[in-house]
C-alpha atoms as a PDB file:
ATOM      1  CA  MET A   1     106.085  68.152 -76.527  1.00  0.00           C
ATOM      2  CA  ALA A   2     108.588  66.546 -73.897  1.00  0.00           C
ATOM      3  CA  LYS A   3     112.160  66.458 -74.590  1.00  0.00           C
ATOM      4  CA  ASP A   4     112.525  62.817 -73.163  1.00  0.00           C
ATOM      5  CA  LYS A   5     110.400  60.122 -74.281  1.00  0.00           C
ATOM      6  CA  ARG A   6     108.001  58.744 -71.754  1.00  0.00           C
ATOM      7  CA  PHE A   7     108.119  55.118 -72.975  1.00  0.00           C
ATOM      8  CA  GLU A   8     111.083  52.907 -73.327  1.00  0.00           C
ATOM      9  CA  ARG A   9     111.520  49.660 -75.275  1.00  0.00           C
ATOM     10  CA  ILE A  10     113.715  47.100 -72.917  1.00  0.00           C
ATOM     11  CA  TYR A  11     112.958  43.877 -74.767  1.00  0.00           C
ATOM     12  CA  VAL A  12     112.274  42.456 -78.238  1.00  0.00           C
ATOM     13  CA  GLN A  13     111.461  38.825 -79.282  1.00  0.00           C
ATOM     14  CA  SER A  14     111.052  37.505 -82.472  1.00  0.00           C
ATOM     15  CA  MET A  15     112.119  40.361 -84.830  1.00  0.00           C
ATOM     16  CA  GLY A  16     109.746  42.862 -82.932  1.00  0.00           C
ATOM     17  CA  SER A  17     106.601  40.568 -82.901  1.00  0.00           C
ATOM     18  CA  MET A  18     106.748  40.871 -79.012  1.00  0.00           C
ATOM     19  CA  GLU A  19     108.022  43.861 -77.035  1.00  0.00           C
ATOM     20  CA  ILE A  20     108.149  45.117 -73.375  1.00  0.00           C
ATOM     21  CA  TRP A  21     107.715  48.870 -72.919  1.00  0.00           C
ATOM     22  CA  VAL A  22     108.445  50.706 -69.585  1.00  0.00           C
ATOM     23  CA  ASP A  23     106.654  53.914 -68.486  1.00  0.00           C
ATOM     24  CA  LYS A  24     109.578  55.968 -67.601  1.00  0.00           C
ATOM     25  CA  GLU A  25     107.239  58.269 -65.185  1.00  0.00           C
ATOM     26  CA  THR A  26     105.539  55.272 -63.228  1.00  0.00           C
ATOM     27  CA  GLY A  27     107.988  52.147 -64.086  1.00  0.00           C
ATOM     28  CA  VAL A  28     104.787  50.142 -65.114  1.00  0.00           C
ATOM     29  CA  ASN A  29     105.710  47.419 -67.626  1.00  0.00           C
ATOM     30  CA  TYR A  30     103.595  46.734 -70.649  1.00  0.00           C
ATOM     31  CA  LEU A  31     103.365  43.864 -73.241  1.00  0.00           C
ATOM     32  CA  TYR A  32     103.255  44.631 -76.850  1.00  0.00           C
ATOM     33  CA  ARG A  33     102.181  42.004 -79.286  1.00  0.00           C
ATOM     34  CA  GLN A  34     102.106  42.490 -83.094  1.00  0.00           C
ATOM     35  CA  SER A  35     100.956  39.879 -85.862  1.00  0.00           C
ATOM     36  CA  GLY A  36     100.603  41.089 -89.501  1.00  0.00           C
ATOM     37  CA  TYR A  37      98.389  44.147 -89.446  1.00  0.00           C
ATOM     38  CA  ALA A  38      96.745  43.654 -85.989  1.00  0.00           C
ATOM     39  CA  GLY A  39      98.561  44.412 -82.363  1.00  0.00           C
ATOM     40  CA  GLY A  40      97.796  45.111 -78.837  1.00  0.00           C
ATOM     41  CA  LEU A  41      99.058  46.397 -75.447  1.00  0.00           C
ATOM     42  CA  THR A  42      98.529  45.123 -72.125  1.00  0.00           C
ATOM     43  CA  VAL A  43      99.867  45.735 -68.398  1.00  0.00           C
ATOM     44  CA  LEU A  44     102.497  43.106 -67.559  1.00  0.00           C
ATOM     45  CA  LEU A  45     101.597  41.171 -64.658  1.00  0.00           C
ATOM     46  CA  ASP A  46     103.315  39.372 -61.927  1.00  0.00           C
ATOM     47  CA  LYS A  47     102.182  35.812 -60.616  1.00  0.00           C
ATOM     48  CA  ASP A  48      99.998  37.677 -58.070  1.00  0.00           C
ATOM     49  CA  GLY A  49      97.999  39.524 -60.549  1.00  0.00           C
ATOM     50  CA  LYS A  50      99.853  42.926 -59.721  1.00  0.00           C
ATOM     51  CA  PRO A  51     101.561  45.198 -62.590  1.00  0.00           C
ATOM     52  CA  VAL A  52     105.303  44.491 -62.903  1.00  0.00           C
ATOM     53  CA  VAL A  53     107.127  47.651 -61.921  1.00  0.00           C
ATOM     54  CA  THR A  54     110.786  48.635 -62.725  1.00  0.00           C
ATOM     55  CA  PRO A  55     112.360  50.982 -60.263  1.00  0.00           C
ATOM     56  CA  VAL A  56     112.397  54.617 -61.484  1.00  0.00           C
ATOM     57  CA  GLU A  57     115.410  56.860 -61.433  1.00  0.00           C
ATOM     58  CA  GLU A  58     114.879  60.457 -60.512  1.00  0.00           C
END
Protein backbone atom coordinates (compact mmCIF):
# COMPACT_ATOMS: atom_id res chain seq x y z
CA MET A 1 0.00 0.00 0.00
CA ALA A 2 1.28 3.47 -0.85
CA LYS A 3 2.58 5.70 1.91
CA ASP A 4 0.66 8.74 0.68
CA LYS A 5 -3.06 8.80 0.04
CA ARG A 6 -3.95 9.28 -3.63
CA PHE A 7 -7.09 11.37 -3.02
CA GLU A 8 -7.41 14.53 -0.94
CA ARG A 9 -10.64 16.18 0.17
CA ILE A 10 -10.40 19.90 -0.57
CA TYR A 11 -13.97 21.12 0.06
CA VAL A 12 -16.87 20.18 2.34
CA GLN A 13 -20.37 21.67 2.33
CA SER A 14 -23.33 21.02 4.62
CA MET A 15 -21.61 18.83 7.21
CA GLY A 16 -20.09 16.43 4.69
CA SER A 17 -23.08 15.87 2.41
CA MET A 18 -21.20 17.39 -0.56
CA GLU A 19 -17.45 17.19 -1.02
CA ILE A 20 -14.81 17.82 -3.68
CA TRP A 21 -11.92 15.37 -3.90
CA VAL A 22 -8.71 15.72 -5.96
CA ASP A 23 -6.72 12.84 -7.40
CA LYS A 24 -3.18 13.87 -6.42
CA GLU A 25 -1.63 11.93 -9.34
CA THR A 26 -3.75 13.40 -12.16
CA GLY A 27 -5.18 16.57 -10.59
CA VAL A 28 -8.72 15.61 -11.68
CA ASN A 29 -11.47 16.91 -9.36
CA TYR A 30 -14.43 14.75 -8.31
CA LEU A 31 -17.75 15.74 -6.73
CA TYR A 32 -19.07 13.41 -4.02
CA ARG A 33 -22.67 13.78 -2.83
CA GLN A 34 -24.18 11.87 0.09
CA SER A 35 -27.79 11.72 1.24
CA GLY A 36 -28.83 9.28 3.94
CA TYR A 37 -27.47 5.84 3.04
CA ALA A 38 -26.91 6.74 -0.62
CA GLY A 39 -24.01 8.51 -2.30
CA GLY A 40 -22.49 9.21 -5.66
CA LEU A 41 -19.19 10.27 -7.18
CA THR A 42 -18.65 12.01 -10.53
CA VAL A 43 -15.98 13.98 -12.35
CA LEU A 44 -16.40 17.72 -11.77
CA LEU A 45 -16.77 19.49 -15.14
CA ASP A 46 -16.14 23.09 -16.19
CA LYS A 47 -18.47 25.20 -18.35
CA ASP A 48 -17.09 23.58 -21.53
CA GLY A 49 -17.72 20.03 -20.28
CA LYS A 50 -14.05 19.30 -19.62
CA PRO A 51 -12.79 17.88 -16.29
CA VAL A 52 -11.67 20.41 -13.70
CA VAL A 53 -7.95 19.79 -13.11
CA THR A 54 -5.93 21.16 -10.21
CA PRO A 55 -2.19 21.58 -10.99
CA VAL A 56 -0.23 18.67 -9.50
CA GLU A 57 2.89 19.36 -7.44
CA GLU A 58 5.70 16.93 -8.22
